[in-house]
């Protein structure tokens, strides 16, 4: 693990910000290359479909890192909006500053490789695998097990979107699970 003292230059580049419920941190089409760490609160990423309906892609609770991955990795405008679902405290850093620190500081570089790089790739693969290998009920059970701090905090329609099901299906799945417990 990275040496905490070696990470001090990183901490000096962080901006602390509190955003209100409903506030957008990154707009669709934004080109800002910024990484965010959620200290308290929750953020959702969503996109607009062809009917201009908001489809929630991911929910980020405390201690998660998110950012405009399209801009950072592909130099493209964001395909998603990122919106606070609660009053949220975030630490942010410009990715260019972060990358420069990473190239000069072995502790930041180790953090980049071990935490950020692997975590983002792992999350993407797990999500794809869940849609290929799991039934909707299995996806819900896994999500509830992996993210108990989201269930009950985020609106059901957002959780259903993340799972790739309708809110009605989510309700049926929960009822089925509850009836098996009784």
N, C-alpha and C. Protein backbone atom coordinates (compact mmCIF):
# COMPACT_ATOMS: atom_id res chain seq x y z
N UNK A 1 0.85 -1.19 0.00
CA UNK A 1 0.00 0.00 0.00
C UNK A 1 0.89 1.24 0.00
N UNK A 2 0.36 2.30 -0.53
CA UNK A 2 1.10 3.56 -0.63
C UNK A 2 1.40 4.13 0.76
N UNK A 3 2.53 4.79 0.85
CA UNK A 3 2.94 5.47 2.08
C UNK A 3 2.11 6.74 2.22
N UNK A 4 1.44 6.88 3.37
CA UNK A 4 0.56 8.04 3.59
C UNK A 4 1.32 9.36 3.46
N UNK A 5 2.54 9.39 4.01
CA UNK A 5 3.35 10.61 3.91
C UNK A 5 3.66 10.92 2.44
N UNK A 6 3.87 9.88 1.65
CA UNK A 6 4.15 10.07 0.22
C UNK A 6 2.95 10.60 -0.55
N UNK A 7 1.76 10.49 0.05
CA UNK A 7 0.55 10.98 -0.62
C UNK A 7 0.24 12.44 -0.31
N UNK A 8 1.04 13.08 0.56
CA UNK A 8 0.78 14.48 0.93
C UNK A 8 0.67 15.40 -0.28
N UNK A 9 1.53 15.26 -1.30
CA UNK A 9 1.37 16.15 -2.48
C UNK A 9 -0.01 15.99 -3.13
N UNK A 10 -0.55 14.79 -3.11
CA UNK A 10 -1.88 14.55 -3.66
C UNK A 10 -2.92 15.32 -2.85
N UNK A 11 -2.83 15.24 -1.53
CA UNK A 11 -3.80 15.92 -0.67
C UNK A 11 -3.79 17.43 -0.89
N UNK A 12 -2.63 17.97 -1.20
CA UNK A 12 -2.52 19.42 -1.42
C UNK A 12 -3.25 19.88 -2.68
N UNK A 13 -3.48 18.95 -3.61
CA UNK A 13 -4.16 19.29 -4.86
C UNK A 13 -5.68 19.07 -4.80
N UNK A 14 -6.17 18.53 -3.69
CA UNK A 14 -7.59 18.24 -3.58
C UNK A 14 -8.40 19.49 -3.28
N UNK A 15 -9.58 19.56 -3.85
CA UNK A 15 -10.55 20.60 -3.55
C UNK A 15 -11.69 19.93 -2.80
N UNK A 16 -12.14 20.55 -1.71
CA UNK A 16 -13.26 20.02 -0.93
C UNK A 16 -14.49 20.83 -1.30
N UNK A 17 -15.57 20.10 -1.56
CA UNK A 17 -16.78 20.77 -2.00
C UNK A 17 -18.00 20.06 -1.44
N UNK A 18 -19.00 20.83 -1.04
CA UNK A 18 -20.28 20.27 -0.62
C UNK A 18 -21.31 20.65 -1.66
N UNK A 19 -22.04 19.66 -2.15
CA UNK A 19 -23.07 19.90 -3.16
C UNK A 19 -24.43 19.53 -2.57
N UNK A 20 -25.43 20.27 -2.93
CA UNK A 20 -26.78 20.05 -2.43
C UNK A 20 -27.47 18.93 -3.21
N UNK A 21 -28.47 18.35 -2.59
CA UNK A 21 -29.28 17.32 -3.24
C UNK A 21 -29.81 17.88 -4.56
N UNK A 22 -29.66 17.11 -5.63
CA UNK A 22 -30.13 17.52 -6.94
C UNK A 22 -29.11 18.28 -7.78
N UNK A 23 -28.04 18.74 -7.15
CA UNK A 23 -27.02 19.50 -7.88
C UNK A 23 -26.22 18.57 -8.80
N UNK A 24 -25.93 19.06 -9.99
CA UNK A 24 -25.16 18.29 -10.97
C UNK A 24 -23.69 18.65 -10.84
N UNK A 25 -22.84 17.63 -10.70
CA UNK A 25 -21.40 17.85 -10.61
C UNK A 25 -20.75 17.83 -11.99
N UNK A 26 -21.24 16.97 -12.88
CA UNK A 26 -20.72 16.88 -14.25
C UNK A 26 -21.92 16.81 -15.18
N UNK A 27 -21.98 17.72 -16.13
CA UNK A 27 -23.07 17.75 -17.12
C UNK A 27 -22.75 16.81 -18.27
N UNK A 28 -23.78 16.30 -18.92
CA UNK A 28 -23.59 15.54 -20.16
C UNK A 28 -22.93 16.48 -21.17
N UNK A 29 -21.92 16.00 -21.86
CA UNK A 29 -21.21 16.83 -22.83
C UNK A 29 -20.03 17.58 -22.25
N UNK A 30 -19.86 17.49 -20.92
CA UNK A 30 -18.72 18.18 -20.28
C UNK A 30 -17.41 17.53 -20.70
N UNK A 31 -16.38 18.34 -20.76
CA UNK A 31 -15.05 17.83 -21.11
C UNK A 31 -14.08 17.91 -19.94
N UNK A 32 -14.58 18.34 -18.77
CA UNK A 32 -13.70 18.45 -17.60
C UNK A 32 -13.14 17.08 -17.23
N UNK A 33 -11.87 17.09 -16.89
CA UNK A 33 -11.18 15.86 -16.50
C UNK A 33 -10.93 15.94 -15.00
N UNK A 34 -11.93 15.54 -14.26
CA UNK A 34 -11.87 15.67 -12.81
C UNK A 34 -12.26 14.35 -12.18
N UNK A 35 -11.55 13.97 -11.13
CA UNK A 35 -11.89 12.80 -10.35
C UNK A 35 -12.48 13.25 -9.03
N UNK A 36 -13.49 12.52 -8.57
CA UNK A 36 -14.17 12.86 -7.32
C UNK A 36 -14.12 11.68 -6.36
N UNK A 37 -13.93 11.97 -5.09
CA UNK A 37 -14.02 10.97 -4.02
C UNK A 37 -15.15 11.42 -3.12
N UNK A 38 -16.12 10.53 -2.89
CA UNK A 38 -17.27 10.89 -2.06
C UNK A 38 -16.95 10.60 -0.60
N UNK A 39 -16.93 11.63 0.19
CA UNK A 39 -16.70 11.49 1.63
C UNK A 39 -18.00 11.22 2.37
N UNK A 40 -19.08 11.91 1.95
CA UNK A 40 -20.38 11.72 2.56
C UNK A 40 -21.44 12.02 1.52
N UNK A 41 -22.47 11.17 1.45
CA UNK A 41 -23.55 11.40 0.51
C UNK A 41 -23.59 10.35 -0.58
N UNK A 42 -24.33 10.66 -1.64
CA UNK A 42 -24.48 9.72 -2.75
C UNK A 42 -24.67 10.49 -4.06
N UNK A 43 -24.11 9.92 -5.13
CA UNK A 43 -24.17 10.51 -6.46
C UNK A 43 -24.66 9.43 -7.42
N UNK A 44 -25.43 9.85 -8.40
CA UNK A 44 -25.81 8.91 -9.46
C UNK A 44 -25.29 9.41 -10.79
N UNK A 45 -24.96 8.48 -11.67
CA UNK A 45 -24.66 8.84 -13.05
C UNK A 45 -25.86 8.39 -13.88
N UNK A 46 -26.25 9.23 -14.82
CA UNK A 46 -27.38 8.87 -15.67
C UNK A 46 -27.19 9.44 -17.07
N UNK A 47 -27.93 8.88 -18.01
CA UNK A 47 -27.92 9.39 -19.37
C UNK A 47 -29.37 9.55 -19.82
N UNK A 48 -29.57 10.25 -20.90
CA UNK A 48 -30.91 10.42 -21.46
C UNK A 48 -31.05 9.48 -22.65
N UNK A 49 -32.13 8.69 -22.66
CA UNK A 49 -32.34 7.81 -23.80
C UNK A 49 -33.01 8.58 -24.94
N UNK A 50 -33.36 7.87 -26.00
CA UNK A 50 -33.92 8.54 -27.17
C UNK A 50 -35.27 9.21 -26.88
N UNK A 51 -35.95 8.78 -25.81
CA UNK A 51 -37.22 9.41 -25.40
C UNK A 51 -36.98 10.54 -24.39
N UNK A 52 -35.70 10.87 -24.17
CA UNK A 52 -35.28 11.89 -23.21
C UNK A 52 -35.65 11.53 -21.77
N UNK A 53 -35.71 10.22 -21.49
CA UNK A 53 -35.92 9.73 -20.13
C UNK A 53 -34.56 9.53 -19.48
N UNK A 54 -34.48 9.89 -18.20
CA UNK A 54 -33.24 9.69 -17.45
C UNK A 54 -33.10 8.21 -17.08
N UNK A 55 -31.99 7.61 -17.45
CA UNK A 55 -31.70 6.22 -17.12
C UNK A 55 -30.47 6.21 -16.22
N UNK A 56 -30.65 5.79 -14.98
CA UNK A 56 -29.53 5.74 -14.04
C UNK A 56 -28.61 4.59 -14.39
N UNK A 57 -27.35 4.91 -14.54
CA UNK A 57 -26.34 3.92 -14.91
C UNK A 57 -25.64 3.35 -13.68
N UNK A 58 -25.32 4.22 -12.73
CA UNK A 58 -24.58 3.78 -11.56
C UNK A 58 -24.88 4.68 -10.37
N UNK A 59 -24.77 4.09 -9.17
CA UNK A 59 -24.96 4.83 -7.92
C UNK A 59 -23.66 4.74 -7.14
N UNK A 60 -23.20 5.88 -6.64
CA UNK A 60 -21.93 5.96 -5.92
C UNK A 60 -22.17 6.46 -4.50
N UNK A 61 -22.00 5.59 -3.49
CA UNK A 61 -22.13 6.04 -2.10
C UNK A 61 -20.77 6.51 -1.56
N UNK A 62 -20.72 6.71 -0.25
CA UNK A 62 -19.48 7.13 0.40
C UNK A 62 -18.31 6.23 0.03
N UNK A 63 -17.15 6.86 -0.06
CA UNK A 63 -15.85 6.22 -0.28
C UNK A 63 -15.68 5.67 -1.70
N UNK A 64 -16.52 6.12 -2.61
CA UNK A 64 -16.37 5.74 -4.01
C UNK A 64 -15.69 6.87 -4.77
N UNK A 65 -15.00 6.48 -5.82
CA UNK A 65 -14.36 7.43 -6.72
C UNK A 65 -15.10 7.37 -8.05
N UNK A 66 -15.39 8.51 -8.61
CA UNK A 66 -16.02 8.57 -9.92
C UNK A 66 -15.46 9.77 -10.67
N UNK A 67 -15.73 9.80 -11.93
CA UNK A 67 -15.29 10.93 -12.75
C UNK A 67 -15.81 10.80 -14.16
N UNK A 68 -15.48 11.78 -14.94
CA UNK A 68 -15.87 11.83 -16.34
C UNK A 68 -14.91 10.92 -17.12
N UNK A 69 -15.18 9.63 -17.06
CA UNK A 69 -14.28 8.63 -17.65
C UNK A 69 -14.13 8.83 -19.16
N UNK A 70 -15.18 9.26 -19.83
CA UNK A 70 -15.08 9.49 -21.28
C UNK A 70 -14.02 10.55 -21.59
N UNK A 71 -13.98 11.62 -20.79
CA UNK A 71 -12.98 12.66 -21.02
C UNK A 71 -11.59 12.18 -20.60
N UNK A 72 -11.51 11.51 -19.46
CA UNK A 72 -10.21 11.07 -18.93
C UNK A 72 -9.57 10.02 -19.83
N UNK A 73 -10.33 8.98 -20.19
CA UNK A 73 -9.75 7.86 -20.93
C UNK A 73 -9.77 8.03 -22.45
N UNK A 74 -10.81 8.68 -22.97
CA UNK A 74 -11.00 8.71 -24.42
C UNK A 74 -10.96 10.11 -25.03
N UNK A 75 -10.76 11.13 -24.18
CA UNK A 75 -10.74 12.51 -24.63
C UNK A 75 -12.03 12.88 -25.38
N UNK A 76 -13.15 12.41 -24.84
CA UNK A 76 -14.47 12.68 -25.40
C UNK A 76 -15.33 13.40 -24.37
N UNK A 77 -16.35 14.11 -24.81
CA UNK A 77 -17.28 14.71 -23.85
C UNK A 77 -18.02 13.61 -23.07
N UNK A 78 -18.45 13.95 -21.88
CA UNK A 78 -19.15 12.99 -21.03
C UNK A 78 -20.44 12.53 -21.67
N UNK A 79 -20.71 11.23 -21.58
CA UNK A 79 -21.97 10.68 -22.04
C UNK A 79 -23.02 10.72 -20.91
N UNK A 80 -22.54 11.00 -19.69
CA UNK A 80 -23.39 10.94 -18.51
C UNK A 80 -23.45 12.27 -17.77
N UNK A 81 -24.50 12.43 -16.99
CA UNK A 81 -24.59 13.48 -15.98
C UNK A 81 -24.30 12.81 -14.64
N UNK A 82 -23.71 13.54 -13.73
CA UNK A 82 -23.46 13.05 -12.37
C UNK A 82 -24.16 14.02 -11.43
N UNK A 83 -25.10 13.50 -10.65
CA UNK A 83 -25.97 14.33 -9.82
C UNK A 83 -25.99 13.82 -8.38
N UNK A 84 -25.94 14.75 -7.43
CA UNK A 84 -26.01 14.38 -6.02
C UNK A 84 -27.44 13.97 -5.67
N UNK A 85 -27.57 12.82 -5.01
CA UNK A 85 -28.89 12.35 -4.55
C UNK A 85 -29.18 12.80 -3.13
N UNK A 86 -28.15 13.24 -2.45
CA UNK A 86 -28.24 13.75 -1.08
C UNK A 86 -27.26 14.91 -0.99
N UNK A 87 -27.33 15.64 0.10
CA UNK A 87 -26.27 16.61 0.34
C UNK A 87 -24.97 15.80 0.41
N UNK A 88 -24.00 16.17 -0.40
CA UNK A 88 -22.82 15.33 -0.60
C UNK A 88 -21.55 16.13 -0.47
N UNK A 89 -20.59 15.56 0.26
CA UNK A 89 -19.26 16.18 0.39
C UNK A 89 -18.30 15.37 -0.48
N UNK A 90 -17.62 16.05 -1.40
CA UNK A 90 -16.67 15.39 -2.29
C UNK A 90 -15.31 16.06 -2.22
N UNK A 91 -14.29 15.26 -2.46
CA UNK A 91 -12.94 15.77 -2.69
C UNK A 91 -12.70 15.57 -4.18
N UNK A 92 -12.16 16.58 -4.84
CA UNK A 92 -11.92 16.44 -6.27
C UNK A 92 -10.51 16.88 -6.62
N UNK A 93 -10.05 16.36 -7.75
CA UNK A 93 -8.74 16.72 -8.27
C UNK A 93 -8.81 16.69 -9.79
N UNK A 94 -8.18 17.63 -10.41
CA UNK A 94 -8.06 17.63 -11.86
C UNK A 94 -7.20 16.44 -12.27
N UNK A 95 -7.68 15.68 -13.27
CA UNK A 95 -6.97 14.46 -13.65
C UNK A 95 -5.56 14.76 -14.18
N UNK A 96 -5.37 15.87 -14.85
CA UNK A 96 -4.03 16.21 -15.36
C UNK A 96 -3.06 16.37 -14.20
N UNK A 97 -3.49 17.07 -13.14
CA UNK A 97 -2.64 17.21 -11.94
C UNK A 97 -2.39 15.85 -11.31
N UNK A 98 -3.44 15.05 -11.23
CA UNK A 98 -3.31 13.72 -10.64
C UNK A 98 -2.32 12.87 -11.44
N UNK A 99 -2.44 12.91 -12.77
CA UNK A 99 -1.55 12.13 -13.63
C UNK A 99 -0.10 12.58 -13.49
N UNK A 100 0.12 13.90 -13.44
CA UNK A 100 1.47 14.44 -13.25
C UNK A 100 2.05 13.99 -11.91
N UNK A 101 1.25 14.08 -10.85
CA UNK A 101 1.70 13.60 -9.54
C UNK A 101 2.02 12.12 -9.58
N UNK A 102 1.19 11.37 -10.28
CA UNK A 102 1.38 9.93 -10.38
C UNK A 102 2.69 9.59 -11.10
N UNK A 103 3.03 10.37 -12.11
CA UNK A 103 4.25 10.09 -12.88
C UNK A 103 5.52 10.47 -12.11
N UNK A 104 5.39 11.36 -11.11
CA UNK A 104 6.56 11.83 -10.36
C UNK A 104 6.68 11.20 -8.97
N UNK A 105 5.60 10.64 -8.47
CA UNK A 105 5.57 10.18 -7.09
C UNK A 105 5.19 8.70 -7.05
N UNK A 106 6.09 7.82 -6.60
CA UNK A 106 5.80 6.39 -6.60
C UNK A 106 4.60 6.01 -5.73
N UNK A 107 4.37 6.75 -4.64
CA UNK A 107 3.24 6.43 -3.78
C UNK A 107 1.91 6.74 -4.48
N UNK A 108 1.86 7.87 -5.18
CA UNK A 108 0.65 8.21 -5.93
C UNK A 108 0.49 7.26 -7.11
N UNK A 109 1.60 6.90 -7.75
CA UNK A 109 1.56 5.95 -8.85
C UNK A 109 1.02 4.60 -8.41
N UNK A 110 1.46 4.14 -7.24
CA UNK A 110 0.98 2.87 -6.70
C UNK A 110 -0.51 2.95 -6.41
N UNK A 111 -0.97 4.07 -5.87
CA UNK A 111 -2.39 4.27 -5.62
C UNK A 111 -3.15 4.21 -6.94
N UNK A 112 -2.62 4.86 -7.95
CA UNK A 112 -3.25 4.90 -9.26
C UNK A 112 -3.41 3.48 -9.83
N UNK A 113 -2.34 2.71 -9.81
CA UNK A 113 -2.37 1.38 -10.40
C UNK A 113 -3.19 0.39 -9.56
N UNK A 114 -2.97 0.40 -8.25
CA UNK A 114 -3.60 -0.62 -7.42
C UNK A 114 -5.05 -0.31 -7.12
N UNK A 115 -5.38 0.96 -6.99
CA UNK A 115 -6.73 1.29 -6.56
C UNK A 115 -7.60 1.76 -7.72
N UNK A 116 -7.19 2.84 -8.35
CA UNK A 116 -8.05 3.44 -9.37
C UNK A 116 -8.17 2.57 -10.62
N UNK A 117 -7.04 2.23 -11.19
CA UNK A 117 -7.06 1.47 -12.44
C UNK A 117 -7.77 0.14 -12.31
N UNK A 118 -7.38 -0.64 -11.33
CA UNK A 118 -7.96 -1.96 -11.16
C UNK A 118 -9.42 -1.88 -10.73
N UNK A 119 -9.75 -0.94 -9.89
CA UNK A 119 -11.12 -0.83 -9.38
C UNK A 119 -12.10 -0.50 -10.51
N UNK A 120 -11.74 0.44 -11.36
CA UNK A 120 -12.62 0.82 -12.47
C UNK A 120 -12.83 -0.35 -13.41
N UNK A 121 -11.75 -1.02 -13.78
CA UNK A 121 -11.85 -2.16 -14.69
C UNK A 121 -12.64 -3.29 -14.05
N UNK A 122 -12.39 -3.57 -12.78
CA UNK A 122 -13.10 -4.64 -12.08
C UNK A 122 -14.60 -4.36 -12.04
N UNK A 123 -14.98 -3.12 -11.71
CA UNK A 123 -16.40 -2.77 -11.66
C UNK A 123 -17.07 -2.97 -13.02
N UNK A 124 -16.38 -2.56 -14.08
CA UNK A 124 -16.94 -2.70 -15.42
C UNK A 124 -17.15 -4.17 -15.78
N UNK A 125 -16.15 -5.01 -15.51
CA UNK A 125 -16.27 -6.43 -15.81
C UNK A 125 -17.35 -7.10 -14.97
N UNK A 126 -17.44 -6.75 -13.70
CA UNK A 126 -18.47 -7.34 -12.84
C UNK A 126 -19.87 -6.99 -13.33
N UNK A 127 -20.03 -5.77 -13.77
CA UNK A 127 -21.35 -5.36 -14.26
C UNK A 127 -21.72 -6.14 -15.52
N UNK A 128 -20.80 -6.23 -16.46
CA UNK A 128 -21.06 -6.99 -17.69
C UNK A 128 -21.35 -8.45 -17.36
N UNK A 129 -20.53 -9.04 -16.52
CA UNK A 129 -20.72 -10.44 -16.14
C UNK A 129 -22.08 -10.66 -15.50
N UNK A 130 -22.53 -9.73 -14.67
CA UNK A 130 -23.82 -9.91 -13.99
C UNK A 130 -24.97 -9.92 -15.00
N UNK A 131 -24.88 -9.11 -16.05
CA UNK A 131 -25.93 -9.09 -17.05
C UNK A 131 -25.91 -10.33 -17.93
N UNK A 132 -24.76 -10.93 -18.10
CA UNK A 132 -24.64 -12.12 -18.93
C UNK A 132 -24.97 -13.38 -18.14
N UNK A 133 -24.49 -13.46 -16.90
CA UNK A 133 -24.54 -14.72 -16.16
C UNK A 133 -25.65 -14.82 -15.12
N UNK A 134 -26.25 -13.70 -14.72
CA UNK A 134 -27.20 -13.74 -13.61
C UNK A 134 -28.62 -13.38 -14.05
N UNK A 135 -29.59 -13.98 -13.39
CA UNK A 135 -30.99 -13.60 -13.61
C UNK A 135 -31.22 -12.26 -12.92
N UNK A 136 -32.31 -11.58 -13.25
CA UNK A 136 -32.60 -10.32 -12.55
C UNK A 136 -32.65 -10.49 -11.03
N UNK A 137 -33.23 -11.56 -10.54
CA UNK A 137 -33.28 -11.77 -9.09
C UNK A 137 -31.88 -11.96 -8.52
N UNK A 138 -31.05 -12.72 -9.20
CA UNK A 138 -29.67 -12.91 -8.74
C UNK A 138 -28.90 -11.59 -8.77
N UNK A 139 -29.14 -10.77 -9.81
CA UNK A 139 -28.49 -9.45 -9.87
C UNK A 139 -28.91 -8.60 -8.67
N UNK A 140 -30.21 -8.61 -8.35
CA UNK A 140 -30.68 -7.83 -7.21
C UNK A 140 -30.05 -8.34 -5.91
N UNK A 141 -30.06 -9.65 -5.70
CA UNK A 141 -29.47 -10.20 -4.47
C UNK A 141 -28.01 -9.82 -4.34
N UNK A 142 -27.28 -9.93 -5.44
CA UNK A 142 -25.85 -9.58 -5.42
C UNK A 142 -25.67 -8.09 -5.14
N UNK A 143 -26.47 -7.26 -5.79
CA UNK A 143 -26.36 -5.80 -5.59
C UNK A 143 -26.68 -5.44 -4.14
N UNK A 144 -27.75 -6.05 -3.60
CA UNK A 144 -28.13 -5.77 -2.21
C UNK A 144 -27.05 -6.23 -1.24
N UNK A 145 -26.41 -7.35 -1.55
CA UNK A 145 -25.32 -7.85 -0.70
C UNK A 145 -24.08 -6.96 -0.81
N UNK A 146 -23.73 -6.56 -2.04
CA UNK A 146 -22.53 -5.76 -2.28
C UNK A 146 -22.71 -4.28 -1.91
N UNK A 147 -23.94 -3.79 -1.94
CA UNK A 147 -24.21 -2.36 -1.70
C UNK A 147 -25.37 -2.16 -0.73
N UNK A 148 -25.28 -2.71 0.47
CA UNK A 148 -26.39 -2.54 1.41
C UNK A 148 -26.62 -1.08 1.79
N UNK A 149 -25.58 -0.26 1.66
CA UNK A 149 -25.72 1.16 2.01
C UNK A 149 -26.45 1.97 0.94
N UNK A 150 -26.78 1.35 -0.19
CA UNK A 150 -27.54 2.03 -1.24
C UNK A 150 -29.02 1.65 -1.15
N UNK A 151 -29.29 0.37 -0.88
CA UNK A 151 -30.67 -0.10 -0.79
C UNK A 151 -31.36 0.66 0.35
N UNK A 152 -32.49 1.24 0.07
CA UNK A 152 -33.21 2.01 1.07
C UNK A 152 -32.87 3.50 1.05
N UNK A 153 -31.74 3.85 0.47
CA UNK A 153 -31.36 5.27 0.36
C UNK A 153 -31.70 5.83 -1.01
N UNK A 154 -31.44 5.05 -2.04
CA UNK A 154 -31.70 5.51 -3.41
C UNK A 154 -33.12 5.12 -3.81
N UNK A 155 -33.78 5.96 -4.59
CA UNK A 155 -35.12 5.60 -5.07
C UNK A 155 -35.10 4.29 -5.86
N UNK A 156 -36.18 3.51 -5.71
CA UNK A 156 -36.27 2.21 -6.38
C UNK A 156 -36.08 2.31 -7.89
N UNK A 157 -36.59 3.39 -8.50
CA UNK A 157 -36.47 3.50 -9.96
C UNK A 157 -34.99 3.58 -10.37
N UNK A 158 -34.14 4.18 -9.54
CA UNK A 158 -32.72 4.25 -9.86
C UNK A 158 -32.06 2.89 -9.69
N UNK A 159 -32.42 2.18 -8.64
CA UNK A 159 -31.87 0.84 -8.42
C UNK A 159 -32.30 -0.08 -9.55
N UNK A 160 -33.57 0.00 -9.94
CA UNK A 160 -34.06 -0.82 -11.06
C UNK A 160 -33.28 -0.52 -12.33
N UNK A 161 -33.03 0.75 -12.63
CA UNK A 161 -32.24 1.12 -13.82
C UNK A 161 -30.87 0.48 -13.78
N UNK A 162 -30.20 0.58 -12.63
CA UNK A 162 -28.85 0.01 -12.50
C UNK A 162 -28.87 -1.50 -12.76
N UNK A 163 -29.94 -2.15 -12.32
CA UNK A 163 -30.06 -3.60 -12.49
C UNK A 163 -30.58 -4.00 -13.87
N UNK A 164 -31.01 -3.02 -14.66
CA UNK A 164 -31.51 -3.32 -16.00
C UNK A 164 -32.91 -3.92 -15.99
N UNK A 165 -33.72 -3.55 -15.00
CA UNK A 165 -35.09 -4.04 -14.89
C UNK A 165 -36.02 -2.86 -14.66
N UNK A 166 -37.32 -3.13 -14.72
CA UNK A 166 -38.29 -2.08 -14.44
C UNK A 166 -38.54 -1.99 -12.93
N UNK A 167 -39.05 -0.86 -12.47
CA UNK A 167 -39.41 -0.76 -11.05
C UNK A 167 -40.45 -1.81 -10.64
N UNK A 168 -41.38 -2.16 -11.56
CA UNK A 168 -42.38 -3.19 -11.26
C UNK A 168 -41.68 -4.54 -11.05
N UNK A 169 -40.71 -4.86 -11.91
CA UNK A 169 -39.96 -6.11 -11.75
C UNK A 169 -39.19 -6.12 -10.43
N UNK A 170 -38.61 -4.99 -10.07
CA UNK A 170 -37.89 -4.90 -8.80
C UNK A 170 -38.83 -5.18 -7.64
N UNK A 171 -40.02 -4.62 -7.68
CA UNK A 171 -41.01 -4.85 -6.63
C UNK A 171 -41.39 -6.33 -6.56
N UNK A 172 -41.59 -6.96 -7.70
CA UNK A 172 -41.93 -8.39 -7.74
C UNK A 172 -40.80 -9.24 -7.18
N UNK A 173 -39.58 -8.91 -7.54
CA UNK A 173 -38.42 -9.65 -7.02
C UNK A 173 -38.36 -9.53 -5.51
N UNK A 174 -38.52 -8.33 -4.99
CA UNK A 174 -38.49 -8.13 -3.54
C UNK A 174 -39.62 -8.91 -2.85
N UNK A 175 -40.80 -8.91 -3.44
CA UNK A 175 -41.93 -9.65 -2.87
C UNK A 175 -41.65 -11.15 -2.88
N UNK A 176 -41.07 -11.65 -3.96
CA UNK A 176 -40.71 -13.08 -4.05
C UNK A 176 -39.72 -13.45 -2.97
N UNK A 177 -38.70 -12.60 -2.81
CA UNK A 177 -37.67 -12.86 -1.78
C UNK A 177 -38.29 -12.82 -0.39
N UNK A 178 -39.15 -11.83 -0.14
CA UNK A 178 -39.80 -11.72 1.17
C UNK A 178 -40.69 -12.92 1.45
N UNK A 179 -41.39 -13.43 0.43
CA UNK A 179 -42.29 -14.58 0.66
C UNK A 179 -41.50 -15.86 0.92
N UNK A 180 -40.28 -15.96 0.38
CA UNK A 180 -39.42 -17.13 0.64
C UNK A 180 -38.89 -17.12 2.06
N UNK A 181 -38.73 -15.91 2.62
CA UNK A 181 -38.21 -15.76 3.99
C UNK A 181 -39.28 -16.14 5.00
N UNK A 182 -40.54 -15.81 4.71
CA UNK A 182 -41.64 -16.07 5.67
C UNK A 182 -41.91 -17.52 5.89
